[in-house]
C-alpha atoms as a PDB file:
ATOM      1  CA  UNK A   1    -123.524  63.271-112.091  1.00  0.00           C
ATOM      2  CA  UNK A   2    -122.512  59.995-110.475  1.00  0.00           C
ATOM      3  CA  UNK A   3    -119.653  57.660-111.452  1.00  0.00           C
ATOM      4  CA  UNK A   4    -120.567  54.108-112.328  1.00  0.00           C
ATOM      5  CA  UNK A   5    -118.557  50.950-112.957  1.00  0.00           C
ATOM      6  CA  UNK A   6    -120.138  49.378-116.072  1.00  0.00           C
ATOM      7  CA  UNK A   7    -119.611  45.797-117.448  1.00  0.00           C
ATOM      8  CA  UNK A   8    -121.075  44.701-120.791  1.00  0.00           C
ATOM      9  CA  UNK A   9    -121.436  41.174-122.118  1.00  0.00           C
ATOM     10  CA  UNK A  10    -122.082  40.731-125.823  1.00  0.00           C
ATOM     11  CA  UNK A  11    -123.425  37.201-125.328  1.00  0.00           C
ATOM     12  CA  UNK A  12    -124.644  35.311-122.283  1.00  0.00           C
ATOM     13  CA  UNK A  13    -125.253  31.589-121.963  1.00  0.00           C
ATOM     14  CA  UNK A  14    -126.533  29.337-119.296  1.00  0.00           C
ATOM     15  CA  UNK A  15    -124.216  27.087-117.298  1.00  0.00           C
ATOM     16  CA  UNK A  16    -125.072  24.014-119.370  1.00  0.00           C
ATOM     17  CA  UNK A  17    -123.364  25.392-122.479  1.00  0.00           C
ATOM     18  CA  UNK A  18    -119.638  25.318-123.224  1.00  0.00           C
ATOM     19  CA  UNK A  19    -117.766  28.624-123.022  1.00  0.00           C
ATOM     20  CA  UNK A  20    -119.700  30.273-120.210  1.00  0.00           C
ATOM     21  CA  UNK A  21    -118.754  33.953-120.408  1.00  0.00           C
ATOM     22  CA  UNK A  22    -117.368  34.653-116.939  1.00  0.00           C
ATOM     23  CA  UNK A  23    -115.734  37.871-118.054  1.00  0.00           C
ATOM     24  CA  UNK A  24    -117.404  40.843-119.657  1.00  0.00           C
ATOM     25  CA  UNK A  25    -116.429  42.102-123.150  1.00  0.00           C
ATOM     26  CA  UNK A  26    -116.158  45.720-122.081  1.00  0.00           C
ATOM     27  CA  UNK A  27    -115.694  47.324-118.679  1.00  0.00           C
ATOM     28  CA  UNK A  28    -115.197  50.977-117.899  1.00  0.00           C
ATOM     29  CA  UNK A  29    -115.895  53.671-115.373  1.00  0.00           C
ATOM     30  CA  UNK A  30    -118.588  56.052-116.721  1.00  0.00           C
ATOM     31  CA  UNK A  31    -120.035  59.364-115.470  1.00  0.00           C
ATOM     32  CA  UNK A  32    -123.809  59.597-115.962  1.00  0.00           C
ATOM     33  CA  UNK A  33    -127.049  60.655-114.318  1.00  0.00           C
ATOM     34  CA  UNK A  34    -128.426  57.143-114.027  1.00  0.00           C
ATOM     35  CA  UNK A  35    -127.261  53.519-114.238  1.00  0.00           C
ATOM     36  CA  UNK A  36    -129.131  52.890-117.474  1.00  0.00           C
ATOM     37  CA  UNK A  37    -127.705  55.913-119.161  1.00  0.00           C
ATOM     38  CA  UNK A  38    -124.218  54.773-118.080  1.00  0.00           C
ATOM     39  CA  UNK A  39    -124.838  51.490-119.940  1.00  0.00           C
ATOM     40  CA  UNK A  40    -126.077  53.341-123.059  1.00  0.00           C
ATOM     41  CA  UNK A  41    -123.194  55.724-123.011  1.00  0.00           C
ATOM     42  CA  UNK A  42    -120.641  52.918-122.778  1.00  0.00           C
ATOM     43  CA  UNK A  43    -122.363  51.032-125.570  1.00  0.00           C
ATOM     44  CA  UNK A  44    -122.208  54.071-127.843  1.00  0.00           C
ATOM     45  CA  UNK A  45    -118.545  54.671-126.962  1.00  0.00           C
ATOM     46  CA  UNK A  46    -117.771  50.990-127.646  1.00  0.00           C
ATOM     47  CA  UNK A  47    -119.763  50.978-130.917  1.00  0.00           C
ATOM     48  CA  UNK A  48    -122.126  48.245-129.624  1.00  0.00           C
ATOM     49  CA  UNK A  49    -125.774  48.208-130.821  1.00  0.00           C
ATOM     50  CA  UNK A  50    -126.742  45.276-128.591  1.00  0.00           C
ATOM     51  CA  UNK A  51    -125.523  43.637-125.413  1.00  0.00           C
ATOM     52  CA  UNK A  52    -126.902  40.470-123.878  1.00  0.00           C
ATOM     53  CA  UNK A  53    -126.245  41.560-120.275  1.00  0.00           C
ATOM     54  CA  UNK A  54    -125.043  44.658-118.462  1.00  0.00           C
ATOM     55  CA  UNK A  55    -124.121  45.261-114.837  1.00  0.00           C
ATOM     56  CA  UNK A  56    -123.723  48.677-113.197  1.00  0.00           C
ATOM     57  CA  UNK A  57    -122.441  49.698-109.755  1.00  0.00           C
ATOM     58  CA  UNK A  58    -122.303  53.210-108.455  1.00  0.00           C
ATOM     59  CA  UNK A  59    -119.062  54.285-106.691  1.00  0.00           C
ATOM     60  CA  UNK A  60    -120.794  55.052-103.435  1.00  0.00           C
ATOM     61  CA  UNK A  61    -122.933  51.855-103.124  1.00  0.00           C
ATOM     62  CA  UNK A  62    -122.653  48.060-103.149  1.00  0.00           C
ATOM     63  CA  UNK A  63    -125.906  47.741-105.081  1.00  0.00           C
ATOM     64  CA  UNK A  64    -125.480  46.227-108.588  1.00  0.00           C
ATOM     65  CA  UNK A  65    -128.157  47.042-111.201  1.00  0.00           C
ATOM     66  CA  UNK A  66    -128.447  44.477-113.959  1.00  0.00           C
ATOM     67  CA  UNK A  67    -130.043  44.704-117.422  1.00  0.00           C
ATOM     68  CA  UNK A  68    -130.652  42.034-120.082  1.00  0.00           C
ATOM     69  CA  UNK A  69    -130.944  42.429-123.820  1.00  0.00           C
ATOM     70  CA  UNK A  70    -130.172  46.102-124.144  1.00  0.00           C
ATOM     71  CA  UNK A  71    -130.505  47.638-127.598  1.00  0.00           C
ATOM     72  CA  UNK A  72    -129.032  50.977-128.586  1.00  0.00           C
ATOM     73  CA  UNK A  73    -131.077  52.725-131.270  1.00  0.00           C
ATOM     74  CA  UNK A  74    -129.603  55.519-133.353  1.00  0.00           C
ATOM     75  CA  UNK A  75    -131.482  58.843-133.276  1.00  0.00           C
ATOM     76  CA  UNK A  76    -132.005  59.723-136.970  1.00  0.00           C
ATOM     77  CA  UNK A  77    -132.671  63.385-136.179  1.00  0.00           C
ATOM     78  CA  UNK A  78    -129.338  63.760-134.338  1.00  0.00           C
ATOM     79  CA  UNK A  79    -127.394  61.777-136.926  1.00  0.00           C
ATOM     80  CA  UNK A  80    -128.638  63.961-139.778  1.00  0.00           C
ATOM     81  CA  UNK A  81    -128.221  67.256-137.970  1.00  0.00           C
ATOM     82  CA  UNK A  82    -125.133  69.278-138.891  1.00  0.00           C
ATOM     83  CA  UNK A  83    -122.374  69.827-136.368  1.00  0.00           C
ATOM     84  CA  UNK A  84    -122.573  73.165-134.519  1.00  0.00           C
ATOM     85  CA  UNK A  85    -119.573  74.520-136.400  1.00  0.00           C
ATOM     86  CA  UNK A  86    -121.220  73.712-139.709  1.00  0.00           C
ATOM     87  CA  UNK A  87    -124.253  75.866-138.912  1.00  0.00           C
ATOM     88  CA  UNK A  88    -124.297  79.294-140.401  1.00  0.00           C
ATOM     89  CA  UNK A  89    -125.529  81.925-137.959  1.00  0.00           C
ATOM     90  CA  UNK A  90    -125.266  85.629-137.458  1.00  0.00           C
ATOM     91  CA  UNK A  91    -121.780  86.639-136.456  1.00  0.00           C
END
């Protein structure tokens, strides 16, 4: 897994509007297998269902990957599944 620097903006506006969001709402270093999964992981950890803009940079590169309008959908199967310690199995 690679380490990524992830920044998330909840809203994004053009330069003509007041209150241009120069600084992201959430920033963190995340370990994931891809840049997009790093964004989704940080969104889930931050309890965000939607971000207007996301930027990701791997530790070992100068390349910045950007995403717009990212939505995090809940997986109904995983949410309804019992936790492993709640399952009854053969002991």
